[in-house]
Structure formats: C-alpha cells, structure tokens
Amino acid sequence: MSTSLLLVDDDRTFSSLAASMLSQEGFRVRVARSLHETRVALAAEAPDLVVLDRRLPDGDGLVFLPELRAQLPTTVVLMVTAHGDIESAVEAIRAGARDYLSKPVEIDDLVMRARRAASDLQLQERLRQAESVLEGRHRMAESRSPAMQRTLQMLERIATTPRSPVLLLGETGTGKAVLARHLHALRQKQGAFVQINCAALPDTMMESELFGHERGAFTDAKTARRGLVELASDGLLFLDEVGELPLALQAKLLTFLDKGAFRRLGGMTELTSTARIVAATNKDLEAEVTAGRFREDLLFRLSVFRVDVPPLRERREDVLPLARTLVQELCSELGRRPVPFSPAAEERLVSYPFPGNVRELRNVLERALVLELGPALELQSLAKGGGAPAAVDPNAFSVSGPPRPLDEVERLYVRHVLEQLGGRRMEAARALGLSYPTFLRRLEENPPSE
C-alpha cells in the first residue's frame, strides 16, 4: 500500500514539481495551497505524511501545527521554515513535527526525507501487526509442572537485569518465543519487543536487517534505514534460530553485546542501543562450535543466562490447562463457540508424547476444531491406531484424496520439507536444491526486498 502525502505550499511552481517527483516515488500526493484547503483535505482523508509550509496566504502553518497534531496524532509532519529560522524549526519540533526543511527546499532533499518517514511508518506498522498477532496468539499460560515453574522463576530473576543476554535452549515448538515475550512483559515501561527469525532471511540481507544501513550502502539502498537493534533500544530483541547466523555477522553481534555499540552497513558513525538480546535455538551450539560454525566467544557471551526450556512430555501437568487455553484462543479466531474436551480426549491428551511440543498441540487442536463438529472434542487423531501422528514416520510425505495438479503437490512437498527442518527456510531451500527466490515462489510467497 502506497503512502498518502499532503503537500501544503502556496508556491504553485514548487508544489507542482514536488508533487510530480513524489508521485514518481510511489506516494499518493494531494496538494493544498492554504490552511482552508488543508482543513478540507484533512476532513476528506487522513494522510500518512504532511509537508507543511509555515508561510501561507491565510495563516501560519506553525500556529496550525498543534491543531493538526490533535486531529491526527499518528500523522507524520515535515515542517518547512524560512532559511536560517532556527527558532521556528525548534518550535516546530517541540510542537510535534517529525523533521523540518529550510527554504529554498531542494526537491531531492524533500524526497529523501519523505522516503525515510514512509519507511519508518511501514516498519512501525509491521511492528504493530506483529505485536497484535503475538498478543492474541501467544499468551503465557499458567504452569503446574515443577520444571516449568523453575524456568519461570528464573525468568523473573533475570528480568531485574535489563541488558544481560539470555539464551533459550529447547526443542522445536517448546514455546521459546512465548517465554521471550514473557520476559519482556515482566519489566514495565520499556521499549518494544522485536523478533526476527535468523533462518528466514538470506545472509546478504541479515546484517542490514539487524543493524540497518546508510544510503548508498548497496544497490537499491536509496535511503538510510534503521535496523532492529535500533528499534529495540530500551526493549528486547529476540533472535530466533540464532545458530543460523553467518560467522561474519556473529562477530558484529559479539561486538554489540560487549559494548552496546554498532555501525550501520556502509556507515562510519558508531551508534548505541540498550536493547537486551534474547537468543533461542534448538541446535546443540557446543557441537556447532566444534564444527566451526559458531563462535565460542559468542556462545559464552550469549550464555550469561542460559535457560533450558523443558519439552511438553516432561511437563504433562501442563498439557490439559494449556490445551484449554489454546482451544479458547482458537475458537475466538475461528468464530466458534467454546467447546469442551470429552473424557476420552483428555486421556489422549495426557498420554500422547507430543514430539512437536506446544506447536504440535496447537495444530492438533486447530484441526480438531475444524473437522470435529460434535458437542465435545474427541481428538480421534491422537487415538492409538487411529491415525495418530506418533504412528507415522515423521519423514514420510503422502498426498491423500483425489488426484491433484503437479504444481499443488510440489507446493505441499516444499511445505513438508520446511516443516521437517523446523521452519528454517534457507536450509529447506538448500535441501530442495532451489534458489531462495524460487523456494519462496513455490511457497507462494514473495521474495523479500529492501
């Protein structure tokens, strides 16, 4: 979705040229040449970005700025001030403007600042969406098992040290991301929770994603961009699948952990961030160190607090309470009334080993809610001899039902391989002998772009 921009300037030549250039950059531009036209435009549509001149025929844009901020608090404002009028620029920033430009305005400078603001808006929207999804789907359920209670008590103690790194170790699907979010929630009045799957991006993009880049750092880097380390300052940056980080980037992460300092890709200025790093993996990092794929000094630095997350089979006391919580969440998502478990289903839940841990439990429940239409869930898929996942070769791939088109079967197999490899996309692409963009197309996803 393109960014909407309202350009408020009474200079017809400049506003026409600027609107043309901004439109070519992908902005949806409207022009207002007075405060009256501005109010009319704002009433018709709330823009994402406003470029506001101070000197207008019917008033002062700086005087109008508080009214604009009160009406549209999330809209980003770039204030245009007279050359050398530093006092007005400072006053504009204090009144809520994001940035200011001095006249005469260079079109290239205006476009660059608008692109930067649009990039930040898009990133903030992605973070808000991620927050919404995680809040709705990954709440921390109360635990009854001694093993999990010890883990939670340890996290409560760790929460008192705001920047010490934490390493979460455990099998796939044990809920390491949920625990990272729980650790973040234990501290009040802090920055954002930011998450990245280190296996989901190509090595060439990972450094820019983590540490950001400057304009011109590489092809298509048309504007500077903040990385996740900056966005998570005063908050928590969760590095899922940290064992997939390339060695060169491991060194840069180690420097950040030691000093809290980093440089953007292509940058010369040393920046700082107070983000706490929480890393997670299901790999044996000691074995990775021995194999030369993971730095030993980084492992030591990440392991200031090492938390082993117990698998679901070792905390069976939690299975039923967790299943009930998940069913409530899933019923809300599916628009279905809450449904109980039958006594037989409860026995199946408690006795089944759940090799896929909490993720498998959620999948089993979601499938049952769709396929079982009775007054209570029976969970026949967990019954012995009834097609239980435990009786199936975990590496097997089969397609049931009527014949399907070949491209659909290929897509199903790509997803099967991805699931077998724990969601590690780069590794799945290599196993299938596909380039990463081709792999994403087979998943029917668009390749990532800057």
Protein backbone atom coordinates (compact mmCIF):
# COMPACT_ATOMS: atom_id res chain seq x y z
CA MET A 1 0.00 0.00 0.00
CA SER A 2 1.46 3.41 -1.03
CA THR A 3 1.98 6.19 1.49
CA SER A 4 -0.50 9.10 1.28
CA LEU A 5 1.07 12.57 1.44
CA LEU A 6 -0.49 16.02 1.72
CA LEU A 7 1.76 18.80 0.40
CA VAL A 8 0.76 22.22 1.82
CA ASP A 9 2.51 25.05 -0.07
CA ASP A 10 1.18 28.11 -1.90
CA ASP A 11 4.06 28.24 -4.40
CA ARG A 12 2.38 26.69 -7.45
CA THR A 13 5.58 26.02 -9.38
CA PHE A 14 7.33 24.33 -6.48
CA SER A 15 4.28 22.37 -5.32
CA SER A 16 3.55 21.08 -8.83
CA LEU A 17 7.15 19.96 -9.36
CA ALA A 18 7.42 18.42 -5.88
CA ALA A 19 4.07 16.60 -6.29
CA SER A 20 5.25 15.18 -9.62
CA MET A 21 8.55 13.90 -8.16
CA LEU A 22 6.89 12.44 -5.06
CA SER A 23 4.28 10.70 -7.20
CA GLN A 24 7.06 9.09 -9.22
CA GLU A 25 8.46 7.76 -5.93
CA GLY A 26 5.17 5.97 -5.26
CA PHE A 27 3.48 8.48 -2.91
CA ARG A 28 -0.22 9.28 -3.30
CA VAL A 29 0.05 13.07 -3.33
CA ARG A 30 -2.59 15.74 -2.77
CA VAL A 31 -1.79 19.46 -2.78
CA ALA A 32 -3.28 22.22 -0.62
CA ARG A 33 -2.30 25.87 -1.09
CA SER A 34 -3.88 27.39 2.03
CA LEU A 35 -4.94 26.42 5.54
CA HIS A 36 -8.57 26.37 4.37
CA GLU A 37 -7.75 23.85 1.62
CA THR A 38 -5.69 21.89 4.16
CA ARG A 39 -8.64 21.52 6.54
CA VAL A 40 -10.87 20.42 3.67
CA ALA A 41 -8.29 17.85 2.54
CA LEU A 42 -7.82 16.50 6.09
CA ALA A 43 -11.58 16.13 6.51
CA ALA A 44 -11.75 14.07 3.31
CA GLU A 45 -8.83 11.72 4.08
CA ALA A 46 -6.25 11.41 6.85
CA PRO A 47 -2.80 11.36 5.22
CA ASP A 48 0.16 9.34 6.47
CA LEU A 49 2.52 12.26 5.93
CA VAL A 50 2.08 16.08 5.74
CA VAL A 51 4.65 18.51 4.35
CA LEU A 52 3.55 21.82 5.89
CA ASP A 53 4.84 25.25 4.85
CA ARG A 54 4.81 27.95 7.50
CA ARG A 55 4.01 31.00 5.35
CA LEU A 56 0.53 30.53 3.87
CA PRO A 57 -1.97 33.11 2.49
CA ASP A 58 -4.48 32.67 5.32
CA GLY A 59 -2.30 31.86 8.31
CA ASP A 60 0.84 30.47 9.87
CA GLY A 61 1.48 26.74 9.43
CA LEU A 62 3.34 26.67 12.74
CA VAL A 63 0.28 28.01 14.55
CA PHE A 64 -1.85 25.40 12.75
CA LEU A 65 0.51 22.54 13.68
CA PRO A 66 -0.96 21.85 17.19
CA GLU A 67 -4.44 21.65 15.65
CA LEU A 68 -3.17 19.17 13.07
CA ARG A 69 -1.42 17.04 15.71
CA ALA A 70 -4.54 16.99 17.90
CA GLN A 71 -6.72 15.92 14.96
CA LEU A 72 -4.28 13.34 13.54
CA PRO A 73 -1.80 12.29 16.24
CA THR A 74 -0.27 9.44 14.17
CA THR A 75 0.33 11.53 11.03
CA VAL A 76 3.98 12.46 10.45
CA VAL A 77 4.61 16.17 9.82
CA LEU A 78 7.60 17.68 7.98
CA MET A 79 7.70 21.45 8.64
CA VAL A 80 9.04 23.91 6.06
CA THR A 81 10.64 27.01 7.62
CA ALA A 82 12.39 30.11 6.30
CA HIS A 83 16.13 29.94 5.66
CA GLY A 84 18.08 30.35 8.90
CA ASP A 85 14.96 30.45 11.07
CA ILE A 86 16.32 28.01 13.66
CA GLU A 87 13.94 29.27 16.34
CA SER A 88 10.91 28.28 14.24
CA ALA A 89 12.46 24.89 13.48
CA VAL A 90 12.99 24.17 17.18
CA GLU A 91 9.46 25.33 17.98
CA ALA A 92 8.07 23.06 15.24
CA ILE A 93 9.88 20.01 16.63
CA ARG A 94 8.58 20.79 20.11
CA ALA A 95 5.05 21.10 18.70
CA GLY A 96 5.24 17.61 17.24
CA ALA A 97 6.84 17.91 13.80
CA ARG A 98 8.98 14.93 12.86
CA ASP A 99 11.53 16.95 10.89
CA TYR A 100 11.96 20.32 9.20
CA LEU A 101 13.27 21.66 5.90
CA SER A 102 14.63 25.14 5.26
CA LYS A 103 13.76 27.21 2.22
CA PRO A 104 14.66 27.14 -0.57
CA VAL A 105 13.69 23.46 -0.42
CA GLU A 106 15.72 21.08 -2.58
CA ILE A 107 13.40 18.55 -4.24
CA ASP A 108 15.90 15.71 -3.74
CA ASP A 109 16.14 16.53 -0.03
CA LEU A 110 12.35 16.60 0.29
CA VAL A 111 12.02 13.24 -1.48
CA MET A 112 14.74 11.67 0.69
CA ARG A 113 13.11 12.81 3.94
CA ALA A 114 9.67 11.72 2.76
CA ARG A 115 11.03 8.28 1.85
CA ARG A 116 12.71 7.97 5.23
CA ALA A 117 9.49 8.90 7.04
CA ALA A 118 7.50 6.44 4.89
CA SER A 119 9.99 3.65 5.62
CA ASP A 120 9.70 4.28 9.36
CA LEU A 121 5.90 4.34 9.13
CA GLN A 122 5.86 0.99 7.33
CA LEU A 123 8.23 -0.53 9.86
CA GLN A 124 6.13 0.74 12.75
CA GLU A 125 3.04 -0.76 11.14
CA ARG A 126 4.79 -4.13 10.77
CA LEU A 127 5.75 -3.99 14.44
CA ARG A 128 2.19 -3.12 15.46
CA GLN A 129 0.84 -6.02 13.42
CA ALA A 130 3.38 -8.38 14.94
CA GLU A 131 2.50 -7.15 18.42
CA SER A 132 -1.19 -7.74 17.73
CA VAL A 133 -0.61 -11.26 16.44
CA LEU A 134 1.65 -12.21 19.32
CA GLU A 135 -0.65 -10.73 21.95
CA GLY A 136 -3.59 -12.65 20.51
CA ARG A 137 -1.94 -16.00 19.92
CA HIS A 138 0.96 -16.36 22.35
CA ARG A 139 -0.16 -15.62 25.87
CA MET A 140 1.74 -17.24 28.72
CA ALA A 141 -0.47 -19.91 30.27
CA GLU A 142 -0.14 -20.71 33.97
CA SER A 143 2.13 -23.70 34.57
CA ARG A 144 1.63 -26.51 37.10
CA SER A 145 4.78 -28.54 36.38
CA PRO A 146 7.80 -28.07 38.69
CA ALA A 147 10.17 -27.96 35.69
CA MET A 148 8.34 -25.09 34.01
CA GLN A 149 7.78 -23.27 37.29
CA ARG A 150 11.55 -23.28 37.86
CA THR A 151 12.03 -21.84 34.37
CA LEU A 152 9.51 -19.06 35.01
CA GLN A 153 11.03 -18.24 38.40
CA MET A 154 14.43 -17.93 36.74
CA LEU A 155 13.00 -15.52 34.15
CA GLU A 156 11.55 -13.38 36.95
CA ARG A 157 15.04 -13.05 38.46
CA ILE A 158 16.61 -12.35 35.06
CA ALA A 159 14.08 -9.56 34.42
CA THR A 160 15.80 -7.45 37.12
CA THR A 161 18.93 -7.18 34.92
CA PRO A 162 17.70 -5.09 31.96
CA ARG A 163 20.51 -5.71 29.45
CA SER A 164 22.12 -9.07 30.23
CA PRO A 165 21.85 -11.53 27.31
CA VAL A 166 19.68 -14.63 27.64
CA LEU A 167 19.97 -17.90 25.72
CA LEU A 168 16.84 -20.06 25.50
CA LEU A 169 17.54 -23.68 24.59
CA GLY A 170 14.95 -26.32 23.80
CA GLU A 171 13.33 -28.48 21.18
CA THR A 172 11.31 -27.06 18.32
CA GLY A 173 7.86 -25.95 19.41
CA THR A 174 8.50 -25.69 23.15
CA GLY A 175 7.45 -22.05 23.27
CA LYS A 176 10.78 -20.22 23.38
CA ALA A 177 9.30 -17.18 21.64
CA VAL A 178 6.47 -17.08 24.18
CA LEU A 179 9.00 -17.15 27.03
CA ALA A 180 10.99 -14.33 25.43
CA ARG A 181 7.81 -12.24 25.26
CA HIS A 182 7.01 -13.17 28.87
CA LEU A 183 10.46 -11.96 29.95
CA HIS A 184 9.83 -8.67 28.14
CA ALA A 185 6.43 -8.29 29.82
CA LEU A 186 7.96 -8.71 33.30
CA ARG A 187 9.53 -5.24 33.03
CA GLN A 188 7.26 -2.23 32.91
CA LYS A 189 7.84 0.99 30.93
CA GLN A 190 10.34 -0.31 28.41
CA GLY A 191 10.85 -0.30 24.67
CA ALA A 192 9.43 -2.59 22.02
CA PHE A 193 9.59 -6.35 21.72
CA VAL A 194 11.19 -7.06 18.32
CA GLN A 195 11.57 -10.54 16.86
CA ILE A 196 13.49 -11.94 13.90
CA ASN A 197 13.96 -15.49 12.64
CA CYS A 198 17.63 -15.73 11.67
CA ALA A 199 16.86 -18.66 9.34
CA ALA A 200 14.23 -16.76 7.37
CA LEU A 201 16.47 -14.24 5.59
CA PRO A 202 19.39 -14.68 3.18
CA ASP A 203 22.83 -13.99 4.63
CA THR A 204 23.18 -10.93 2.38
CA MET A 205 20.15 -9.26 3.99
CA MET A 206 20.71 -10.22 7.62
CA GLU A 207 23.25 -7.52 8.53
CA SER A 208 21.08 -4.75 7.09
CA GLU A 209 18.01 -6.13 8.87
CA LEU A 210 19.77 -6.27 12.24
CA PHE A 211 21.97 -3.18 12.18
CA GLY A 212 20.43 -1.04 9.43
CA HIS A 213 22.18 0.62 6.50
CA GLU A 214 23.12 4.04 5.19
CA ARG A 215 22.04 5.49 1.89
CA GLY A 216 24.15 4.04 -0.93
CA ALA A 217 25.47 1.14 1.16
CA PHE A 218 24.44 -1.26 -1.61
CA THR A 219 22.39 -1.31 -4.79
CA ASP A 220 18.85 0.00 -4.20
CA ALA A 221 19.77 1.46 -0.80
CA LYS A 222 18.24 4.79 -1.78
CA THR A 223 17.73 5.96 1.77
CA ALA A 224 19.10 5.21 5.22
CA ARG A 225 17.25 2.63 7.28
CA ARG A 226 17.32 1.80 10.98
CA GLY A 227 17.88 -1.82 11.93
CA LEU A 228 16.10 -3.93 14.51
CA VAL A 229 18.84 -3.29 17.08
CA GLU A 230 17.94 0.42 17.00
CA LEU A 231 14.20 -0.20 17.01
CA ALA A 232 14.52 -2.45 20.07
CA SER A 233 16.53 0.08 22.10
CA ASP A 234 15.34 0.08 25.72
CA GLY A 235 13.38 -3.07 24.84
CA LEU A 236 14.10 -6.65 23.80
CA LEU A 237 15.40 -8.10 20.53
CA PHE A 238 14.57 -11.79 20.17
CA LEU A 239 16.90 -13.69 17.80
CA ASP A 240 15.14 -16.94 16.97
CA GLU A 241 17.28 -19.68 15.38
CA VAL A 242 20.46 -17.81 16.35
CA GLY A 243 22.52 -20.84 15.30
CA GLU A 244 21.79 -19.88 11.67
CA LEU A 245 23.68 -16.57 11.84
CA PRO A 246 26.64 -16.43 9.41
CA LEU A 247 30.07 -16.29 11.07
CA ALA A 248 30.86 -12.77 9.85
CA LEU A 249 27.69 -11.42 11.43
CA GLN A 250 28.36 -13.37 14.63
CA ALA A 251 31.45 -11.20 15.14
CA LYS A 252 29.44 -7.99 14.78
CA LEU A 253 26.79 -9.27 17.20
CA LEU A 254 29.53 -10.09 19.71
CA THR A 255 30.85 -6.52 19.47
CA PHE A 256 27.37 -5.17 20.12
CA LEU A 257 26.89 -7.45 23.12
CA ASP A 258 30.22 -6.34 24.60
CA LYS A 259 29.90 -2.58 24.02
CA GLY A 260 26.28 -1.85 23.16
CA ALA A 261 27.70 -0.15 20.05
CA PHE A 262 27.39 -0.87 16.33
CA ARG A 263 27.66 0.70 12.88
CA ARG A 264 25.04 0.58 10.17
CA LEU A 265 26.02 -1.18 6.97
CA GLY A 266 28.01 1.36 4.96
CA GLY A 267 28.19 3.78 7.91
CA MET A 268 31.16 5.33 9.68
CA THR A 269 29.37 6.64 12.79
CA GLU A 270 29.27 4.43 15.87
CA LEU A 271 25.74 4.20 17.27
CA THR A 272 24.47 2.73 20.53
CA SER A 273 21.43 0.76 21.64
CA THR A 274 20.31 -0.56 25.01
CA ALA A 275 18.35 -3.48 23.56
CA ARG A 276 18.50 -6.71 25.53
CA ILE A 277 19.40 -9.65 23.30
CA VAL A 278 17.48 -12.87 23.89
CA ALA A 279 18.54 -15.70 21.58
CA ALA A 280 16.97 -19.10 21.02
CA THR A 281 17.87 -22.27 19.18
CA ASN A 282 17.11 -25.98 19.07
CA LYS A 283 20.65 -26.69 17.89
CA ASP A 284 23.50 -28.06 20.01
CA LEU A 285 25.65 -24.93 19.96
CA GLU A 286 28.60 -26.70 21.59
CA ALA A 287 28.61 -29.12 18.65
CA GLU A 288 28.31 -26.17 16.26
CA VAL A 289 31.37 -24.59 17.92
CA THR A 290 33.33 -27.82 17.50
CA ALA A 291 32.32 -27.94 13.83
CA GLY A 292 33.50 -24.35 13.35
CA ARG A 293 30.03 -23.00 12.50
CA PHE A 294 29.52 -20.96 15.68
CA ARG A 295 31.91 -18.72 17.58
CA GLU A 296 32.80 -19.98 21.03
CA ASP A 297 33.20 -16.44 22.43
CA LEU A 298 29.72 -15.54 21.18
CA LEU A 299 28.28 -18.65 22.83
CA PHE A 300 29.89 -17.61 26.14
CA ARG A 301 28.56 -14.07 25.79
CA LEU A 302 25.01 -15.19 24.95
CA SER A 303 25.03 -17.64 27.85
CA VAL A 304 25.17 -15.08 30.66
CA PHE A 305 21.76 -16.52 31.49
CA ARG A 306 21.11 -19.93 29.96
CA VAL A 307 17.54 -21.19 30.23
CA ASP A 308 16.66 -24.75 29.23
CA VAL A 309 13.01 -24.96 28.18
CA PRO A 310 11.54 -28.38 29.06
CA PRO A 311 9.66 -30.29 26.35
CA LEU A 312 5.94 -30.84 26.79
CA ARG A 313 6.37 -34.56 27.54
CA GLU A 314 8.34 -33.61 30.68
CA ARG A 315 5.57 -31.36 31.99
CA ARG A 316 2.42 -33.38 31.48
CA GLU A 317 0.70 -31.46 34.28
CA ASP A 318 0.55 -28.53 31.88
CA VAL A 319 -0.99 -30.33 28.91
CA LEU A 320 -4.68 -30.05 29.85
CA PRO A 321 -4.57 -26.41 31.11
CA LEU A 322 -2.54 -25.41 28.08
CA ALA A 323 -4.91 -27.25 25.72
CA ARG A 324 -7.93 -25.49 27.24
CA THR A 325 -6.25 -22.09 26.85
CA LEU A 326 -5.34 -22.83 23.23
CA VAL A 327 -8.87 -24.01 22.43
CA GLN A 328 -10.30 -20.74 23.77
CA GLU A 329 -7.91 -18.73 21.59
CA LEU A 330 -8.61 -20.87 18.51
CA CYS A 331 -12.38 -20.71 18.97
CA SER A 332 -12.12 -16.93 19.10
CA GLU A 333 -10.06 -16.90 15.88
CA LEU A 334 -12.40 -19.34 14.11
CA GLY A 335 -15.58 -17.63 15.28
CA ARG A 336 -16.76 -20.78 17.07
CA ARG A 337 -18.32 -21.15 20.49
CA PRO A 338 -16.00 -22.63 23.16
CA VAL A 339 -16.10 -26.43 23.12
CA PRO A 340 -15.02 -28.82 25.91
CA PHE A 341 -12.96 -31.99 25.71
CA SER A 342 -14.59 -35.38 26.14
CA PRO A 343 -13.15 -37.62 28.90
CA ALA A 344 -11.56 -39.78 26.19
CA ALA A 345 -9.95 -36.72 24.61
CA GLU A 346 -8.47 -35.67 27.95
CA GLU A 347 -6.94 -39.14 28.37
CA ARG A 348 -5.48 -38.95 24.86
CA LEU A 349 -4.00 -35.54 25.55
CA VAL A 350 -2.30 -36.66 28.74
CA SER A 351 -0.90 -39.91 27.27
CA TYR A 352 0.27 -38.62 23.90
CA PRO A 353 4.03 -37.70 23.87
CA PHE A 354 3.75 -34.62 21.59
CA PRO A 355 7.13 -34.82 19.83
CA GLY A 356 6.31 -31.45 18.26
CA ASN A 357 5.61 -29.93 21.69
CA VAL A 358 3.26 -26.94 22.07
CA ARG A 359 3.27 -26.20 18.34
CA GLU A 360 2.04 -29.73 17.60
CA LEU A 361 -0.59 -29.46 20.34
CA ARG A 362 -1.93 -26.29 18.79
CA ASN A 363 -2.02 -27.88 15.32
CA VAL A 364 -3.89 -30.93 16.65
CA LEU A 365 -6.48 -28.72 18.36
CA GLU A 366 -6.96 -26.45 15.34
CA ARG A 367 -7.50 -29.47 13.08
CA ALA A 368 -9.99 -30.98 15.53
CA LEU A 369 -11.98 -27.75 15.81
CA VAL A 370 -12.41 -27.68 12.03
CA LEU A 371 -13.11 -31.37 11.44
CA GLU A 372 -14.97 -32.43 14.61
CA LEU A 373 -18.42 -30.85 14.76
CA GLY A 374 -19.81 -32.61 17.84
CA PRO A 375 -20.61 -31.02 21.21
CA ALA A 376 -17.18 -32.06 22.59
CA LEU A 377 -13.76 -32.61 21.05
CA GLU A 378 -12.76 -36.29 20.83
CA LEU A 379 -9.27 -35.82 19.28
CA GLN A 380 -9.52 -39.07 17.35
CA SER A 381 -6.24 -38.26 15.60
CA LEU A 382 -4.46 -39.00 18.90
CA ALA A 383 -6.18 -42.34 19.41
CA LYS A 384 -3.94 -45.40 19.23
CA GLY A 385 -4.23 -46.89 15.75
CA GLY A 386 -6.50 -44.03 14.69
CA GLY A 387 -4.04 -42.20 12.54
CA ALA A 388 -2.08 -40.75 15.45
CA PRO A 389 0.95 -38.76 14.39
CA ALA A 390 3.16 -40.93 16.60
CA ALA A 391 2.42 -43.96 14.40
CA VAL A 392 3.56 -42.19 11.25
CA ASP A 393 7.12 -41.89 10.02
CA PRO A 394 7.90 -38.19 10.72
CA ASN A 395 9.90 -38.03 7.48
CA ALA A 396 7.14 -39.54 5.32
CA PHE A 397 5.31 -37.49 2.72
CA SER A 398 1.95 -38.56 1.38
CA VAL A 399 -0.91 -36.93 -0.51
CA SER A 400 -4.36 -38.33 0.10
CA GLY A 401 -7.63 -37.75 -1.67
CA PRO A 402 -8.31 -37.41 -5.40
CA PRO A 403 -5.53 -36.72 -7.90
CA ARG A 404 -4.11 -33.19 -7.67
CA PRO A 405 -2.23 -30.93 -10.12
CA LEU A 406 1.53 -31.40 -10.04
CA ASP A 407 2.26 -27.80 -9.00
CA GLU A 408 0.00 -28.24 -5.96
CA VAL A 409 1.79 -31.47 -4.97
CA GLU A 410 5.14 -29.68 -5.35
CA ARG A 411 3.95 -26.86 -3.10
CA LEU A 412 2.78 -29.37 -0.47
CA TYR A 413 6.15 -31.13 -0.58
CA VAL A 414 8.06 -27.85 -0.19
CA ARG A 415 5.97 -27.08 2.91
CA HIS A 416 6.58 -30.63 4.19
CA VAL A 417 10.35 -30.20 3.89
CA LEU A 418 10.15 -26.79 5.58
CA GLU A 419 8.24 -28.32 8.49
CA GLN A 420 10.75 -31.18 8.78
CA LEU A 421 13.55 -28.61 9.09
CA GLY A 422 11.82 -26.65 11.81
CA GLY A 423 10.89 -23.67 9.65
CA ARG A 424 14.50 -22.93 8.60
CA ARG A 425 13.84 -21.60 5.11
CA MET A 426 17.38 -21.22 3.84
CA GLU A 427 18.20 -24.78 4.91
CA ALA A 428 14.99 -26.08 3.29
CA ALA A 429 15.84 -24.31 0.03
CA ARG A 430 19.28 -25.91 0.02
CA ALA A 431 17.82 -29.35 0.78
CA LEU A 432 15.44 -28.99 -2.16
CA GLY A 433 18.17 -27.74 -4.48
CA LEU A 434 16.27 -24.48 -5.12
CA SER A 435 17.39 -20.87 -5.14
CA TYR A 436 15.87 -18.87 -2.30
CA PRO A 437 13.55 -16.76 -4.55
CA THR A 438 12.39 -19.95 -6.35
CA PHE A 439 11.78 -21.59 -2.97
CA LEU A 440 9.59 -18.64 -1.88
CA ARG A 441 7.64 -18.78 -5.14
CA ARG A 442 6.95 -22.48 -4.55
CA LEU A 443 5.59 -21.45 -1.13
CA GLU A 444 3.52 -18.83 -2.96
CA GLU A 445 5.32 -16.04 -1.06
CA ASN A 446 7.05 -13.01 -2.47
CA PRO A 447 10.86 -12.86 -2.16
CA PRO A 448 11.99 -10.31 0.49
CA SER A 449 13.11 -6.95 -0.82
CA GLU A 450 14.74 -3.89 0.63
